[in-house]
Amino acid sequence: MPRDATARRRYVGHPRDLPLRFRVIPREFARAPEAPPEEDLGGLRFESLRTVRPGAMLEVAVRVQGNTLTYRGTVHWVQSLGRRFEIGLRFTDREDAFCARMALQACRIEAYRRRRSRREGRSIGVEEAAQAWIRRYARGFPLLPLEEPAPVR
């Protein structure tokens, strides 16, 4: 469990309305971490009906717009939320951290597209939603620690 709210916020939240799947990877099939333990590649937090042990390696799969995006990480903490669990997944590989960020951005765009379609009473296309989301939210989209913020112009 994260020690405080600041630690929890370091893990970017996955949208609740876009489900993800995960499976535990047996230790003998898990890749060795690319990054040294002191390097912080960031993390993701999500809710699940089932719990996993901290230290377990997970493969996460998210389906967005007909594509399945997958990445891996190590369970850093688990917090009970009654019948659900909040899982903090720490990235140990730069490629997985990058893929997770892209998957999360695609999820946020899809969630935005759905909300806007309901609000406007019409179907909003993916391209239109992506362009609008990027204009409105991309600048504030969470950066993972391995990225340098873009210069402000």
C-alpha atoms as a PDB file:
ATOM      1  CA  MET A   1       0.000   0.000   0.000  1.00  0.00           C
ATOM      2  CA  PRO A   2       1.345   3.466  -0.780  1.00  0.00           C
ATOM      3  CA  ARG A   3       2.548   5.269   2.325  1.00  0.00           C
ATOM      4  CA  ASP A   4       0.725   8.479   1.541  1.00  0.00           C
ATOM      5  CA  ALA A   5      -1.348  10.296  -1.064  1.00  0.00           C
ATOM      6  CA  THR A   6       1.793  11.706  -2.707  1.00  0.00           C
ATOM      7  CA  ALA A   7       3.187   8.202  -3.277  1.00  0.00           C
ATOM      8  CA  ARG A   8      -0.196   7.069  -4.664  1.00  0.00           C
ATOM      9  CA  ARG A   9      -0.302   9.975  -7.129  1.00  0.00           C
ATOM     10  CA  ARG A  10       3.048   8.883  -8.586  1.00  0.00           C
ATOM     11  CA  TYR A  11       1.109   6.000 -10.145  1.00  0.00           C
ATOM     12  CA  VAL A  12      -1.048   7.223 -13.019  1.00  0.00           C
ATOM     13  CA  GLY A  13      -4.649   6.013 -12.748  1.00  0.00           C
ATOM     14  CA  HIS A  14      -6.190   3.807 -15.443  1.00  0.00           C
ATOM     15  CA  PRO A  15      -9.742   4.940 -16.420  1.00  0.00           C
ATOM     16  CA  ARG A  16     -12.367   2.834 -14.622  1.00  0.00           C
ATOM     17  CA  ASP A  17     -14.731   2.723 -17.596  1.00  0.00           C
ATOM     18  CA  LEU A  18     -12.176   0.997 -19.875  1.00  0.00           C
ATOM     19  CA  PRO A  19     -11.419  -2.465 -18.526  1.00  0.00           C
ATOM     20  CA  LEU A  20      -8.020  -4.048 -18.595  1.00  0.00           C
ATOM     21  CA  ARG A  21      -6.965  -7.646 -18.164  1.00  0.00           C
ATOM     22  CA  PHE A  22      -3.892  -8.903 -16.406  1.00  0.00           C
ATOM     23  CA  ARG A  23      -2.168 -12.170 -15.742  1.00  0.00           C
ATOM     24  CA  VAL A  24       0.579 -13.110 -13.354  1.00  0.00           C
ATOM     25  CA  ILE A  25       3.765 -14.115 -15.152  1.00  0.00           C
ATOM     26  CA  PRO A  26       5.586 -17.009 -13.475  1.00  0.00           C
ATOM     27  CA  ARG A  27       9.019 -15.919 -12.242  1.00  0.00           C
ATOM     28  CA  GLU A  28      10.814 -18.309 -14.592  1.00  0.00           C
ATOM     29  CA  PHE A  29       9.282 -16.463 -17.592  1.00  0.00           C
ATOM     30  CA  ALA A  30       9.705 -12.912 -16.305  1.00  0.00           C
ATOM     31  CA  ARG A  31      12.336 -10.724 -17.954  1.00  0.00           C
ATOM     32  CA  ALA A  32      15.082  -9.292 -15.828  1.00  0.00           C
ATOM     33  CA  PRO A  33      14.469  -5.594 -15.085  1.00  0.00           C
ATOM     34  CA  GLU A  34      16.151  -3.287 -17.580  1.00  0.00           C
ATOM     35  CA  ALA A  35      16.409  -0.374 -15.192  1.00  0.00           C
ATOM     36  CA  PRO A  36      18.450  -0.375 -11.991  1.00  0.00           C
ATOM     37  CA  PRO A  37      16.194  -0.497  -8.878  1.00  0.00           C
ATOM     38  CA  GLU A  38      16.961   3.121  -7.983  1.00  0.00           C
ATOM     39  CA  GLU A  39      15.749   4.396 -11.390  1.00  0.00           C
ATOM     40  CA  ASP A  40      12.089   5.354 -11.247  1.00  0.00           C
ATOM     41  CA  LEU A  41      10.254   4.542 -14.475  1.00  0.00           C
ATOM     42  CA  GLY A  42       6.867   5.376 -12.999  1.00  0.00           C
ATOM     43  CA  GLY A  43       3.832   3.250 -12.542  1.00  0.00           C
ATOM     44  CA  LEU A  44       0.148   2.678 -13.095  1.00  0.00           C
ATOM     45  CA  ARG A  45      -2.668   2.087 -10.640  1.00  0.00           C
ATOM     46  CA  PHE A  46      -5.860   0.259 -11.435  1.00  0.00           C
ATOM     47  CA  GLU A  47      -8.746  -1.466  -9.688  1.00  0.00           C
ATOM     48  CA  SER A  48      -9.382  -5.190  -9.782  1.00  0.00           C
ATOM     49  CA  LEU A  49     -11.811  -7.707  -8.296  1.00  0.00           C
ATOM     50  CA  ARG A  50      -8.878  -9.967  -7.493  1.00  0.00           C
ATOM     51  CA  THR A  51      -5.712  -9.317  -5.590  1.00  0.00           C
ATOM     52  CA  VAL A  52      -2.101 -10.202  -6.323  1.00  0.00           C
ATOM     53  CA  ARG A  53       0.983 -10.314  -4.140  1.00  0.00           C
ATOM     54  CA  PRO A  54       3.385  -7.385  -4.110  1.00  0.00           C
ATOM     55  CA  GLY A  55       6.456  -8.405  -6.085  1.00  0.00           C
ATOM     56  CA  ALA A  56       4.448 -10.392  -8.651  1.00  0.00           C
ATOM     57  CA  MET A  57       5.195  -9.659 -12.322  1.00  0.00           C
ATOM     58  CA  LEU A  58       2.050  -8.866 -14.347  1.00  0.00           C
ATOM     59  CA  GLU A  59       1.312  -8.647 -18.038  1.00  0.00           C
ATOM     60  CA  VAL A  60      -1.452  -6.109 -18.601  1.00  0.00           C
ATOM     61  CA  ALA A  61      -3.611  -6.037 -21.743  1.00  0.00           C
ATOM     62  CA  VAL A  62      -5.862  -3.131 -22.707  1.00  0.00           C
ATOM     63  CA  ARG A  63      -8.165  -3.203 -25.735  1.00  0.00           C
ATOM     64  CA  VAL A  64      -8.737   0.197 -27.339  1.00  0.00           C
ATOM     65  CA  GLN A  65     -10.316   0.804 -30.753  1.00  0.00           C
ATOM     66  CA  GLY A  66      -9.818  -2.804 -31.831  1.00  0.00           C
ATOM     67  CA  ASN A  67      -6.147  -2.941 -30.802  1.00  0.00           C
ATOM     68  CA  THR A  68      -4.770  -4.790 -27.804  1.00  0.00           C
ATOM     69  CA  LEU A  69      -1.871  -3.031 -26.114  1.00  0.00           C
ATOM     70  CA  THR A  70       0.247  -5.012 -23.642  1.00  0.00           C
ATOM     71  CA  TYR A  71       2.957  -4.151 -21.167  1.00  0.00           C
ATOM     72  CA  ARG A  72       4.524  -5.576 -18.020  1.00  0.00           C
ATOM     73  CA  GLY A  73       5.346  -4.371 -14.555  1.00  0.00           C
ATOM     74  CA  THR A  74       5.894  -5.478 -10.987  1.00  0.00           C
ATOM     75  CA  VAL A  75       3.209  -5.128  -8.331  1.00  0.00           C
ATOM     76  CA  HIS A  76       4.563  -2.566  -5.896  1.00  0.00           C
ATOM     77  CA  TRP A  77       1.557  -2.271  -3.596  1.00  0.00           C
ATOM     78  CA  VAL A  78      -2.029  -3.467  -3.165  1.00  0.00           C
ATOM     79  CA  GLN A  79      -4.716  -1.640  -1.211  1.00  0.00           C
ATOM     80  CA  SER A  80      -8.052  -3.198  -0.244  1.00  0.00           C
ATOM     81  CA  LEU A  81     -11.096  -1.134  -1.240  1.00  0.00           C
ATOM     82  CA  GLY A  82     -13.725  -3.411   0.258  1.00  0.00           C
ATOM     83  CA  ARG A  83     -14.677  -5.863  -2.500  1.00  0.00           C
ATOM     84  CA  ARG A  84     -12.099  -4.449  -4.894  1.00  0.00           C
ATOM     85  CA  PHE A  85      -8.368  -3.876  -4.804  1.00  0.00           C
ATOM     86  CA  GLU A  86      -6.274  -1.003  -6.035  1.00  0.00           C
ATOM     87  CA  ILE A  87      -3.018  -2.281  -7.499  1.00  0.00           C
ATOM     88  CA  GLY A  88       0.105  -0.174  -7.944  1.00  0.00           C
ATOM     89  CA  LEU A  89       2.162  -1.514 -10.851  1.00  0.00           C
ATOM     90  CA  ARG A  90       5.776  -0.306 -11.098  1.00  0.00           C
ATOM     91  CA  PHE A  91       7.539  -0.340 -14.460  1.00  0.00           C
ATOM     92  CA  THR A  92      10.970  -1.945 -14.591  1.00  0.00           C
ATOM     93  CA  ASP A  93      11.567  -1.611 -18.317  1.00  0.00           C
ATOM     94  CA  ARG A  94      11.628   1.575 -20.421  1.00  0.00           C
ATOM     95  CA  GLU A  95       9.778  -0.054 -23.315  1.00  0.00           C
ATOM     96  CA  ASP A  96       6.950  -1.204 -21.030  1.00  0.00           C
ATOM     97  CA  ALA A  97       6.745   2.247 -19.429  1.00  0.00           C
ATOM     98  CA  PHE A  98       6.481   3.867 -22.864  1.00  0.00           C
ATOM     99  CA  CYS A  99       3.879   1.338 -24.065  1.00  0.00           C
ATOM    100  CA  ALA A 100       1.825   1.827 -20.899  1.00  0.00           C
ATOM    101  CA  ARG A 101       1.858   5.588 -21.366  1.00  0.00           C
ATOM    102  CA  MET A 102       0.663   5.220 -24.963  1.00  0.00           C
ATOM    103  CA  ALA A 103      -2.025   2.748 -23.874  1.00  0.00           C
ATOM    104  CA  LEU A 104      -3.164   5.078 -21.125  1.00  0.00           C
ATOM    105  CA  GLN A 105      -3.301   8.011 -23.520  1.00  0.00           C
ATOM    106  CA  ALA A 106      -5.365   5.924 -25.984  1.00  0.00           C
ATOM    107  CA  CYS A 107      -7.693   4.960 -23.112  1.00  0.00           C
ATOM    108  CA  ARG A 108      -8.123   8.572 -22.059  1.00  0.00           C
ATOM    109  CA  ILE A 109      -8.930   9.580 -25.637  1.00  0.00           C
ATOM    110  CA  GLU A 110     -11.478   6.752 -25.922  1.00  0.00           C
ATOM    111  CA  ALA A 111     -13.090   7.714 -22.603  1.00  0.00           C
ATOM    112  CA  TYR A 112     -13.238  11.335 -23.793  1.00  0.00           C
ATOM    113  CA  ARG A 113     -14.798  10.212 -27.109  1.00  0.00           C
ATOM    114  CA  ARG A 114     -17.502   8.226 -25.288  1.00  0.00           C
ATOM    115  CA  ARG A 115     -18.349  11.047 -22.854  1.00  0.00           C
ATOM    116  CA  ARG A 116     -18.498  13.625 -25.611  1.00  0.00           C
ATOM    117  CA  SER A 117     -20.649  11.359 -27.823  1.00  0.00           C
ATOM    118  CA  ARG A 118     -23.142  10.893 -24.966  1.00  0.00           C
ATOM    119  CA  ARG A 119     -23.136  14.582 -24.126  1.00  0.00           C
ATOM    120  CA  GLU A 120     -23.625  15.709 -27.725  1.00  0.00           C
ATOM    121  CA  GLY A 121     -26.029  12.916 -28.674  1.00  0.00           C
ATOM    122  CA  ARG A 122     -24.002  11.953 -31.737  1.00  0.00           C
ATOM    123  CA  SER A 123     -21.184   9.604 -32.565  1.00  0.00           C
ATOM    124  CA  ILE A 124     -17.788  11.304 -32.377  1.00  0.00           C
ATOM    125  CA  GLY A 125     -15.084   9.776 -34.565  1.00  0.00           C
ATOM    126  CA  VAL A 126     -11.780   8.609 -33.140  1.00  0.00           C
ATOM    127  CA  GLU A 127      -9.740  11.116 -35.139  1.00  0.00           C
ATOM    128  CA  GLU A 128     -11.953  14.043 -34.107  1.00  0.00           C
ATOM    129  CA  ALA A 129     -11.843  12.960 -30.467  1.00  0.00           C
ATOM    130  CA  ALA A 130      -8.059  12.472 -30.546  1.00  0.00           C
ATOM    131  CA  GLN A 131      -7.441  15.912 -32.016  1.00  0.00           C
ATOM    132  CA  ALA A 132      -9.764  17.585 -29.505  1.00  0.00           C
ATOM    133  CA  TRP A 133      -8.280  15.648 -26.556  1.00  0.00           C
ATOM    134  CA  ILE A 134      -4.730  16.483 -27.593  1.00  0.00           C
ATOM    135  CA  ARG A 135      -5.582  20.193 -27.870  1.00  0.00           C
ATOM    136  CA  ARG A 136      -7.315  20.235 -24.469  1.00  0.00           C
ATOM    137  CA  TYR A 137      -5.447  17.724 -22.321  1.00  0.00           C
ATOM    138  CA  ALA A 138      -2.153  16.493 -23.789  1.00  0.00           C
ATOM    139  CA  ARG A 139      -0.081  19.240 -22.209  1.00  0.00           C
ATOM    140  CA  GLY A 140      -1.232  18.197 -18.740  1.00  0.00           C
ATOM    141  CA  PHE A 141      -1.074  14.468 -19.404  1.00  0.00           C
ATOM    142  CA  PRO A 142       1.091  12.783 -16.789  1.00  0.00           C
ATOM    143  CA  LEU A 143       4.673  12.256 -17.776  1.00  0.00           C
ATOM    144  CA  LEU A 144       6.422   9.141 -16.624  1.00  0.00           C
ATOM    145  CA  PRO A 145       9.668   9.906 -14.776  1.00  0.00           C
ATOM    146  CA  LEU A 146      11.829   8.718 -17.672  1.00  0.00           C
ATOM    147  CA  GLU A 147      10.567  11.512 -19.900  1.00  0.00           C
ATOM    148  CA  GLU A 148      11.737  15.086 -20.003  1.00  0.00           C
ATOM    149  CA  PRO A 149       8.932  17.641 -20.120  1.00  0.00           C
ATOM    150  CA  ALA A 150       8.548  19.411 -23.436  1.00  0.00           C
ATOM    151  CA  PRO A 151       9.841  22.976 -23.418  1.00  0.00           C
ATOM    152  CA  VAL A 152       7.152  25.602 -22.989  1.00  0.00           C
ATOM    153  CA  ARG A 153       6.971  28.028 -25.924  1.00  0.00           C
END
